[in-house]
Amino acid sequence: LKPFINIGYQSGQYNATPLNRALSYHLTEAMLGTG
């Protein structure tokens, strides 16, 4: 989904890439499971 992520997460912290911003969100907010 990187082409969409690059557009959708283009604004934000300048020291992080759009993919890293998306990864950070999904790791903390959109993950199911315990192990």
PDB file of all heavy atoms in Angstrom:
ATOM      1  N   LEU A   1       0.813  -1.216   0.000  1.00  0.00           N
ATOM      2  CA  LEU A   1       0.000   0.000   0.000  1.00  0.00           C
ATOM      3  C   LEU A   1       0.850   1.272   0.000  1.00  0.00           C
ATOM      4  O   LEU A   1       0.322   2.371   0.149  1.00  0.00           O
ATOM      5  CB  LEU A   1      -0.924   0.005   1.219  1.00  0.00           C
ATOM      6  CG  LEU A   1      -1.870  -1.183   1.322  1.00  0.00           C
ATOM      7  CD1 LEU A   1      -2.574  -1.184   2.660  1.00  0.00           C
ATOM      8  CD2 LEU A   1      -2.864  -1.178   0.179  1.00  0.00           C
ATOM      9  N   LYS A   2       2.158   1.122  -0.171  1.00  0.00           N
ATOM     10  CA  LYS A   2       3.083   2.250  -0.055  1.00  0.00           C
ATOM     11  C   LYS A   2       2.716   3.446  -0.938  1.00  0.00           C
ATOM     12  O   LYS A   2       2.800   4.586  -0.477  1.00  0.00           O
ATOM     13  CB  LYS A   2       4.514   1.796  -0.323  1.00  0.00           C
ATOM     14  CG  LYS A   2       5.537   2.847   0.025  1.00  0.00           C
ATOM     15  CD  LYS A   2       6.943   2.332  -0.095  1.00  0.00           C
ATOM     16  CE  LYS A   2       7.923   3.444   0.230  1.00  0.00           C
ATOM     17  NZ  LYS A   2       9.295   3.026   0.050  1.00  0.00           N
ATOM     18  N   PRO A   3       2.283   3.261  -2.197  1.00  0.00           N
ATOM     19  CA  PRO A   3       1.909   4.446  -2.983  1.00  0.00           C
ATOM     20  C   PRO A   3       0.770   5.246  -2.334  1.00  0.00           C
ATOM     21  O   PRO A   3       0.773   6.475  -2.370  1.00  0.00           O
ATOM     22  CB  PRO A   3       1.471   3.864  -4.328  1.00  0.00           C
ATOM     23  CG  PRO A   3       2.175   2.550  -4.423  1.00  0.00           C
ATOM     24  CD  PRO A   3       2.244   2.041  -3.007  1.00  0.00           C
ATOM     25  N   PHE A   4      -0.182   4.564  -1.716  1.00  0.00           N
ATOM     26  CA  PHE A   4      -1.279   5.242  -1.028  1.00  0.00           C
ATOM     27  C   PHE A   4      -0.805   5.859   0.279  1.00  0.00           C
ATOM     28  O   PHE A   4      -1.213   6.958   0.650  1.00  0.00           O
ATOM     29  CB  PHE A   4      -2.432   4.267  -0.766  1.00  0.00           C
ATOM     30  CG  PHE A   4      -2.969   3.658  -2.022  1.00  0.00           C
ATOM     31  CD1 PHE A   4      -2.670   2.348  -2.336  1.00  0.00           C
ATOM     32  CD2 PHE A   4      -3.753   4.392  -2.896  1.00  0.00           C
ATOM     33  CE1 PHE A   4      -3.158   1.770  -3.500  1.00  0.00           C
ATOM     34  CE2 PHE A   4      -4.239   3.827  -4.061  1.00  0.00           C
ATOM     35  CZ  PHE A   4      -3.933   2.517  -4.367  1.00  0.00           C
ATOM     36  N   ILE A   5       0.054   5.142   0.987  1.00  0.00           N
ATOM     37  CA  ILE A   5       0.618   5.631   2.255  1.00  0.00           C
ATOM     38  C   ILE A   5       1.409   6.917   2.013  1.00  0.00           C
ATOM     39  O   ILE A   5       1.317   7.868   2.786  1.00  0.00           O
ATOM     40  CB  ILE A   5       1.531   4.558   2.894  1.00  0.00           C
ATOM     41  CG1 ILE A   5       0.761   3.283   3.213  1.00  0.00           C
ATOM     42  CG2 ILE A   5       2.273   5.101   4.100  1.00  0.00           C
ATOM     43  CD1 ILE A   5      -0.221   3.378   4.320  1.00  0.00           C
ATOM     44  N   ASN A   6       2.180   6.964   0.930  1.00  0.00           N
ATOM     45  CA  ASN A   6       2.987   8.155   0.632  1.00  0.00           C
ATOM     46  C   ASN A   6       2.117   9.386   0.421  1.00  0.00           C
ATOM     47  O   ASN A   6       2.540  10.499   0.726  1.00  0.00           O
ATOM     48  CB  ASN A   6       3.869   7.917  -0.594  1.00  0.00           C
ATOM     49  CG  ASN A   6       5.045   7.027  -0.277  1.00  0.00           C
ATOM     50  OD1 ASN A   6       5.428   6.862   0.876  1.00  0.00           O
ATOM     51  ND2 ASN A   6       5.618   6.438  -1.298  1.00  0.00           N
ATOM     52  N   ILE A   7       0.922   9.211  -0.081  1.00  0.00           N
ATOM     53  CA  ILE A   7       0.001  10.334  -0.249  1.00  0.00           C
ATOM     54  C   ILE A   7      -0.737  10.610   1.058  1.00  0.00           C
ATOM     55  O   ILE A   7      -0.800  11.735   1.525  1.00  0.00           O
ATOM     56  CB  ILE A   7      -1.010  10.056  -1.390  1.00  0.00           C
ATOM     57  CG1 ILE A   7      -0.270   9.993  -2.726  1.00  0.00           C
ATOM     58  CG2 ILE A   7      -2.106  11.122  -1.410  1.00  0.00           C
ATOM     59  CD1 ILE A   7      -1.116   9.491  -3.876  1.00  0.00           C
ATOM     60  N   GLY A   8      -1.266   9.566   1.675  1.00  0.00           N
ATOM     61  CA  GLY A   8      -2.108   9.722   2.854  1.00  0.00           C
ATOM     62  C   GLY A   8      -1.381  10.155   4.112  1.00  0.00           C
ATOM     63  O   GLY A   8      -1.973  10.752   5.003  1.00  0.00           O
ATOM     64  N   TYR A   9      -0.097   9.874   4.214  1.00  0.00           N
ATOM     65  CA  TYR A   9       0.684  10.236   5.403  1.00  0.00           C
ATOM     66  C   TYR A   9       1.768  11.256   5.063  1.00  0.00           C
ATOM     67  O   TYR A   9       2.793  11.312   5.724  1.00  0.00           O
ATOM     68  CB  TYR A   9       1.328   8.989   6.018  1.00  0.00           C
ATOM     69  CG  TYR A   9       0.386   8.152   6.844  1.00  0.00           C
ATOM     70  CD1 TYR A   9      -0.516   7.284   6.258  1.00  0.00           C
ATOM     71  CD2 TYR A   9       0.399   8.227   8.234  1.00  0.00           C
ATOM     72  CE1 TYR A   9      -1.377   6.502   7.015  1.00  0.00           C
ATOM     73  CE2 TYR A   9      -0.454   7.458   9.006  1.00  0.00           C
ATOM     74  CZ  TYR A   9      -1.340   6.602   8.384  1.00  0.00           C
ATOM     75  OH  TYR A   9      -2.185   5.840   9.147  1.00  0.00           O
ATOM     76  N   GLN A  10       1.537  12.084   4.024  1.00  0.00           N
ATOM     77  CA  GLN A  10       2.585  13.018   3.609  1.00  0.00           C
ATOM     78  C   GLN A  10       2.805  14.153   4.594  1.00  0.00           C
ATOM     79  O   GLN A  10       3.890  14.708   4.661  1.00  0.00           O
ATOM     80  CB  GLN A  10       2.313  13.570   2.215  1.00  0.00           C
ATOM     81  CG  GLN A  10       1.124  14.497   2.121  1.00  0.00           C
ATOM     82  CD  GLN A  10       0.988  15.092   0.756  1.00  0.00           C
ATOM     83  OE1 GLN A  10       1.915  15.717   0.282  1.00  0.00           O
ATOM     84  NE2 GLN A  10      -0.148  14.891   0.123  1.00  0.00           N
ATOM     85  N   SER A  11       1.800  14.507   5.378  1.00  0.00           N
ATOM     86  CA  SER A  11       2.017  15.573   6.358  1.00  0.00           C
ATOM     87  C   SER A  11       2.272  14.944   7.724  1.00  0.00           C
ATOM     88  O   SER A  11       1.799  13.867   8.014  1.00  0.00           O
ATOM     89  CB  SER A  11       0.814  16.515   6.415  1.00  0.00           C
ATOM     90  OG  SER A  11      -0.321  15.820   6.860  1.00  0.00           O
ATOM     91  N   GLY A  12       3.051  15.611   8.514  1.00  0.00           N
ATOM     92  CA  GLY A  12       3.379  15.099   9.845  1.00  0.00           C
ATOM     93  C   GLY A  12       4.827  15.391  10.170  1.00  0.00           C
ATOM     94  O   GLY A  12       5.411  16.335   9.658  1.00  0.00           O
ATOM     95  N   GLN A  13       5.395  14.573  10.999  1.00  0.00           N
ATOM     96  CA  GLN A  13       6.780  14.766  11.415  1.00  0.00           C
ATOM     97  C   GLN A  13       7.704  14.692  10.208  1.00  0.00           C
ATOM     98  O   GLN A  13       7.620  13.779   9.409  1.00  0.00           O
ATOM     99  CB  GLN A  13       7.196  13.687  12.404  1.00  0.00           C
ATOM    100  CG  GLN A  13       6.358  13.625  13.642  1.00  0.00           C
ATOM    101  CD  GLN A  13       6.637  12.348  14.421  1.00  0.00           C
ATOM    102  OE1 GLN A  13       7.116  11.371  13.874  1.00  0.00           O
ATOM    103  NE2 GLN A  13       6.322  12.376  15.688  1.00  0.00           N
ATOM    104  N   TYR A  14       8.598  15.659  10.083  1.00  0.00           N
ATOM    105  CA  TYR A  14       9.504  15.692   8.936  1.00  0.00           C
ATOM    106  C   TYR A  14      10.674  14.730   9.089  1.00  0.00           C
ATOM    107  O   TYR A  14      11.345  14.422   8.127  1.00  0.00           O
ATOM    108  CB  TYR A  14       9.997  17.113   8.690  1.00  0.00           C
ATOM    109  CG  TYR A  14       8.891  18.001   8.180  1.00  0.00           C
ATOM    110  CD1 TYR A  14       8.267  18.913   9.008  1.00  0.00           C
ATOM    111  CD2 TYR A  14       8.442  17.880   6.872  1.00  0.00           C
ATOM    112  CE1 TYR A  14       7.237  19.704   8.540  1.00  0.00           C
ATOM    113  CE2 TYR A  14       7.409  18.663   6.390  1.00  0.00           C
ATOM    114  CZ  TYR A  14       6.809  19.573   7.230  1.00  0.00           C
ATOM    115  OH  TYR A  14       5.787  20.348   6.762  1.00  0.00           O
ATOM    116  N   ASN A  15      10.904  14.247  10.296  1.00  0.00           N
ATOM    117  CA  ASN A  15      12.012  13.316  10.505  1.00  0.00           C
ATOM    118  C   ASN A  15      11.588  11.864  10.330  1.00  0.00           C
ATOM    119  O   ASN A  15      12.373  10.964  10.560  1.00  0.00           O
ATOM    120  CB  ASN A  15      12.647  13.531  11.876  1.00  0.00           C
ATOM    121  CG  ASN A  15      11.653  13.294  13.004  1.00  0.00           C
ATOM    122  OD1 ASN A  15      10.450  13.246  12.783  1.00  0.00           O
ATOM    123  ND2 ASN A  15      12.157  13.162  14.211  1.00  0.00           N
ATOM    124  N   ALA A  16      10.338  11.625   9.918  1.00  0.00           N
ATOM    125  CA  ALA A  16       9.856  10.262   9.706  1.00  0.00           C
ATOM    126  C   ALA A  16       9.242  10.170   8.305  1.00  0.00           C
ATOM    127  O   ALA A  16       8.584  11.089   7.841  1.00  0.00           O
ATOM    128  CB  ALA A  16       8.808   9.892  10.749  1.00  0.00           C
ATOM    129  N   THR A  17       9.458   9.039   7.651  1.00  0.00           N
ATOM    130  CA  THR A  17       8.876   8.836   6.326  1.00  0.00           C
ATOM    131  C   THR A  17       7.381   8.541   6.469  1.00  0.00           C
ATOM    132  O   THR A  17       6.917   8.131   7.542  1.00  0.00           O
ATOM    133  CB  THR A  17       9.547   7.656   5.604  1.00  0.00           C
ATOM    134  OG1 THR A  17       9.233   6.447   6.312  1.00  0.00           O
ATOM    135  CG2 THR A  17      11.061   7.845   5.506  1.00  0.00           C
ATOM    136  N   PRO A  18       6.609   8.718   5.401  1.00  0.00           N
ATOM    137  CA  PRO A  18       5.195   8.362   5.474  1.00  0.00           C
ATOM    138  C   PRO A  18       4.980   6.902   5.897  1.00  0.00           C
ATOM    139  O   PRO A  18       4.100   6.621   6.711  1.00  0.00           O
ATOM    140  CB  PRO A  18       4.691   8.615   4.050  1.00  0.00           C
ATOM    141  CG  PRO A  18       5.586   9.695   3.538  1.00  0.00           C
ATOM    142  CD  PRO A  18       6.932   9.383   4.136  1.00  0.00           C
ATOM    143  N   LEU A  19       5.801   5.991   5.379  1.00  0.00           N
ATOM    144  CA  LEU A  19       5.652   4.588   5.753  1.00  0.00           C
ATOM    145  C   LEU A  19       5.928   4.384   7.237  1.00  0.00           C
ATOM    146  O   LEU A  19       5.218   3.626   7.912  1.00  0.00           O
ATOM    147  CB  LEU A  19       6.557   3.696   4.905  1.00  0.00           C
ATOM    148  CG  LEU A  19       6.361   2.194   5.086  1.00  0.00           C
ATOM    149  CD1 LEU A  19       4.948   1.761   4.707  1.00  0.00           C
ATOM    150  CD2 LEU A  19       7.369   1.421   4.265  1.00  0.00           C
ATOM    151  N   ASN A  20       6.922   5.067   7.782  1.00  0.00           N
ATOM    152  CA  ASN A  20       7.213   4.939   9.211  1.00  0.00           C
ATOM    153  C   ASN A  20       6.086   5.501  10.070  1.00  0.00           C
ATOM    154  O   ASN A  20       5.754   4.944  11.117  1.00  0.00           O
ATOM    155  CB  ASN A  20       8.532   5.626   9.564  1.00  0.00           C
ATOM    156  CG  ASN A  20       9.727   4.815   9.138  1.00  0.00           C
ATOM    157  OD1 ASN A  20       9.612   3.639   8.819  1.00  0.00           O
ATOM    158  ND2 ASN A  20      10.881   5.455   9.097  1.00  0.00           N
ATOM    159  N   ARG A  21       5.466   6.609   9.632  1.00  0.00           N
ATOM    160  CA  ARG A  21       4.331   7.161  10.377  1.00  0.00           C
ATOM    161  C   ARG A  21       3.149   6.195  10.356  1.00  0.00           C
ATOM    162  O   ARG A  21       2.480   5.979  11.361  1.00  0.00           O
ATOM    163  CB  ARG A  21       3.935   8.525   9.814  1.00  0.00           C
ATOM    164  CG  ARG A  21       4.939   9.621  10.158  1.00  0.00           C
ATOM    165  CD  ARG A  21       4.404  11.004   9.867  1.00  0.00           C
ATOM    166  NE  ARG A  21       4.241  11.297   8.460  1.00  0.00           N
ATOM    167  CZ  ARG A  21       5.188  11.785   7.669  1.00  0.00           C
ATOM    168  NH1 ARG A  21       6.400  12.025   8.158  1.00  0.00           N
ATOM    169  NH2 ARG A  21       4.944  12.044   6.400  1.00  0.00           N
ATOM    170  N   ALA A  22       2.892   5.593   9.183  1.00  0.00           N
ATOM    171  CA  ALA A  22       1.801   4.617   9.071  1.00  0.00           C
ATOM    172  C   ALA A  22       2.106   3.383   9.917  1.00  0.00           C
ATOM    173  O   ALA A  22       1.222   2.848  10.596  1.00  0.00           O
ATOM    174  CB  ALA A  22       1.587   4.221   7.612  1.00  0.00           C
ATOM    175  N   LEU A  23       3.350   2.923   9.887  1.00  0.00           N
ATOM    176  CA  LEU A  23       3.744   1.760  10.680  1.00  0.00           C
ATOM    177  C   LEU A  23       3.544   2.032  12.164  1.00  0.00           C
ATOM    178  O   LEU A  23       2.985   1.198  12.888  1.00  0.00           O
ATOM    179  CB  LEU A  23       5.198   1.395  10.397  1.00  0.00           C
ATOM    180  CG  LEU A  23       5.757   0.219  11.177  1.00  0.00           C
ATOM    181  CD1 LEU A  23       5.038  -1.071  10.812  1.00  0.00           C
ATOM    182  CD2 LEU A  23       7.254   0.085  10.921  1.00  0.00           C
ATOM    183  N   SER A  24       3.963   3.191  12.619  1.00  0.00           N
ATOM    184  CA  SER A  24       3.816   3.545  14.031  1.00  0.00           C
ATOM    185  C   SER A  24       2.349   3.499  14.457  1.00  0.00           C
ATOM    186  O   SER A  24       2.016   2.919  15.497  1.00  0.00           O
ATOM    187  CB  SER A  24       4.392   4.941  14.271  1.00  0.00           C
ATOM    188  OG  SER A  24       4.159   5.345  15.588  1.00  0.00           O
ATOM    189  N   TYR A  25       1.473   4.095  13.651  1.00  0.00           N
ATOM    190  CA  TYR A  25       0.050   4.080  13.987  1.00  0.00           C
ATOM    191  C   TYR A  25      -0.472   2.648  14.051  1.00  0.00           C
ATOM    192  O   TYR A  25      -1.130   2.257  15.008  1.00  0.00           O
ATOM    193  CB  TYR A  25      -0.781   4.890  12.973  1.00  0.00           C
ATOM    194  CG  TYR A  25      -2.244   4.605  13.144  1.00  0.00           C
ATOM    195  CD1 TYR A  25      -2.965   5.212  14.169  1.00  0.00           C
ATOM    196  CD2 TYR A  25      -2.893   3.663  12.352  1.00  0.00           C
ATOM    197  CE1 TYR A  25      -4.296   4.907  14.380  1.00  0.00           C
ATOM    198  CE2 TYR A  25      -4.234   3.356  12.553  1.00  0.00           C
ATOM    199  CZ  TYR A  25      -4.925   3.973  13.566  1.00  0.00           C
ATOM    200  OH  TYR A  25      -6.241   3.652  13.782  1.00  0.00           O
ATOM    201  N   HIS A  26      -0.218   1.869  13.016  1.00  0.00           N
ATOM    202  CA  HIS A  26      -0.799   0.529  12.927  1.00  0.00           C
ATOM    203  C   HIS A  26      -0.235  -0.431  13.985  1.00  0.00           C
ATOM    204  O   HIS A  26      -0.942  -1.304  14.454  1.00  0.00           O
ATOM    205  CB  HIS A  26      -0.653  -0.024  11.506  1.00  0.00           C
ATOM    206  CG  HIS A  26      -1.551   0.688  10.547  1.00  0.00           C
ATOM    207  ND1 HIS A  26      -1.159   1.834   9.894  1.00  0.00           N
ATOM    208  CD2 HIS A  26      -2.832   0.460  10.186  1.00  0.00           C
ATOM    209  CE1 HIS A  26      -2.169   2.268   9.147  1.00  0.00           C
ATOM    210  NE2 HIS A  26      -3.193   1.458   9.311  1.00  0.00           N
ATOM    211  N   LEU A  27       1.022  -0.252  14.366  1.00  0.00           N
ATOM    212  CA  LEU A  27       1.579  -1.083  15.432  1.00  0.00           C
ATOM    213  C   LEU A  27       0.890  -0.824  16.768  1.00  0.00           C
ATOM    214  O   LEU A  27       0.673  -1.747  17.550  1.00  0.00           O
ATOM    215  CB  LEU A  27       3.083  -0.826  15.595  1.00  0.00           C
ATOM    216  CG  LEU A  27       3.993  -1.462  14.558  1.00  0.00           C
ATOM    217  CD1 LEU A  27       5.425  -0.978  14.753  1.00  0.00           C
ATOM    218  CD2 LEU A  27       3.924  -2.978  14.601  1.00  0.00           C
ATOM    219  N   THR A  28       0.547   0.429  17.025  1.00  0.00           N
ATOM    220  CA  THR A  28      -0.032   0.755  18.332  1.00  0.00           C
ATOM    221  C   THR A  28      -1.552   0.718  18.354  1.00  0.00           C
ATOM    222  O   THR A  28      -2.141   0.463  19.403  1.00  0.00           O
ATOM    223  CB  THR A  28       0.432   2.142  18.808  1.00  0.00           C
ATOM    224  OG1 THR A  28       0.063   3.116  17.831  1.00  0.00           O
ATOM    225  CG2 THR A  28       1.928   2.181  19.023  1.00  0.00           C
ATOM    226  N   GLU A  29      -2.207   0.957  17.217  1.00  0.00           N
ATOM    227  CA  GLU A  29      -3.659   1.110  17.218  1.00  0.00           C
ATOM    228  C   GLU A  29      -4.441   0.055  16.424  1.00  0.00           C
ATOM    229  O   GLU A  29      -5.624  -0.112  16.660  1.00  0.00           O
ATOM    230  CB  GLU A  29      -4.035   2.489  16.665  1.00  0.00           C
ATOM    231  CG  GLU A  29      -3.406   3.650  17.399  1.00  0.00           C
ATOM    232  CD  GLU A  29      -3.877   3.776  18.833  1.00  0.00           C
ATOM    233  OE1 GLU A  29      -5.006   3.340  19.138  1.00  0.00           O
ATOM    234  OE2 GLU A  29      -3.110   4.304  19.657  1.00  0.00           O
ATOM    235  N   ALA A  30      -3.799  -0.616  15.473  1.00  0.00           N
ATOM    236  CA  ALA A  30      -4.560  -1.481  14.559  1.00  0.00           C
ATOM    237  C   ALA A  30      -4.021  -2.904  14.518  1.00  0.00           C
ATOM    238  O   ALA A  30      -4.004  -3.538  13.474  1.00  0.00           O
ATOM    239  CB  ALA A  30      -4.568  -0.869  13.158  1.00  0.00           C
ATOM    240  N   MET A  31      -3.589  -3.405  15.658  1.00  0.00           N
ATOM    241  CA  MET A  31      -3.025  -4.754  15.710  1.00  0.00           C
ATOM    242  C   MET A  31      -3.827  -5.599  16.698  1.00  0.00           C
ATOM    243  O   MET A  31      -4.108  -5.163  17.805  1.00  0.00           O
ATOM    244  CB  MET A  31      -1.559  -4.670  16.154  1.00  0.00           C
ATOM    245  CG  MET A  31      -0.768  -5.917  15.984  1.00  0.00           C
ATOM    246  SD  MET A  31      -0.476  -6.420  14.287  1.00  0.00           S
ATOM    247  CE  MET A  31       0.530  -5.099  13.675  1.00  0.00           C
ATOM    248  N   LEU A  32      -4.202  -6.770  16.260  1.00  0.00           N
ATOM    249  CA  LEU A  32      -4.880  -7.739  17.127  1.00  0.00           C
ATOM    250  C   LEU A  32      -3.906  -8.863  17.459  1.00  0.00           C
ATOM    251  O   LEU A  32      -3.044  -9.195  16.662  1.00  0.00           O
ATOM    252  CB  LEU A  32      -6.104  -8.332  16.423  1.00  0.00           C
ATOM    253  CG  LEU A  32      -7.251  -7.388  16.113  1.00  0.00           C
ATOM    254  CD1 LEU A  32      -8.292  -8.092  15.248  1.00  0.00           C
ATOM    255  CD2 LEU A  32      -7.887  -6.882  17.393  1.00  0.00           C
ATOM    256  N   GLY A  33      -4.069  -9.464  18.608  1.00  0.00           N
ATOM    257  CA  GLY A  33      -3.245 -10.595  19.001  1.00  0.00           C
ATOM    258  C   GLY A  33      -2.473 -10.302  20.267  1.00  0.00           C
ATOM    259  O   GLY A  33      -2.318  -9.156  20.679  1.00  0.00           O
ATOM    260  N   THR A  34      -1.972 -11.368  20.862  1.00  0.00           N
ATOM    261  CA  THR A  34      -1.252 -11.224  22.125  1.00  0.00           C
ATOM    262  C   THR A  34       0.151 -11.806  22.088  1.00  0.00           C
ATOM    263  O   THR A  34       0.892 -11.665  23.044  1.00  0.00           O
ATOM    264  CB  THR A  34      -2.031 -11.918  23.257  1.00  0.00           C
ATOM    265  OG1 THR A  34      -2.231 -13.290  22.896  1.00  0.00           O
ATOM    266  CG2 THR A  34      -3.373 -11.235  23.494  1.00  0.00           C
ATOM    267  N   GLY A  35       0.504 -12.471  21.022  1.00  0.00           N
ATOM    268  CA  GLY A  35       1.825 -13.084  20.973  1.00  0.00           C
ATOM    269  C   GLY A  35       2.294 -13.311  19.556  1.00  0.00           C
ATOM    270  O   GLY A  35       1.548 -13.096  18.604  1.00  0.00           O
TER     271      GLY A  35
END
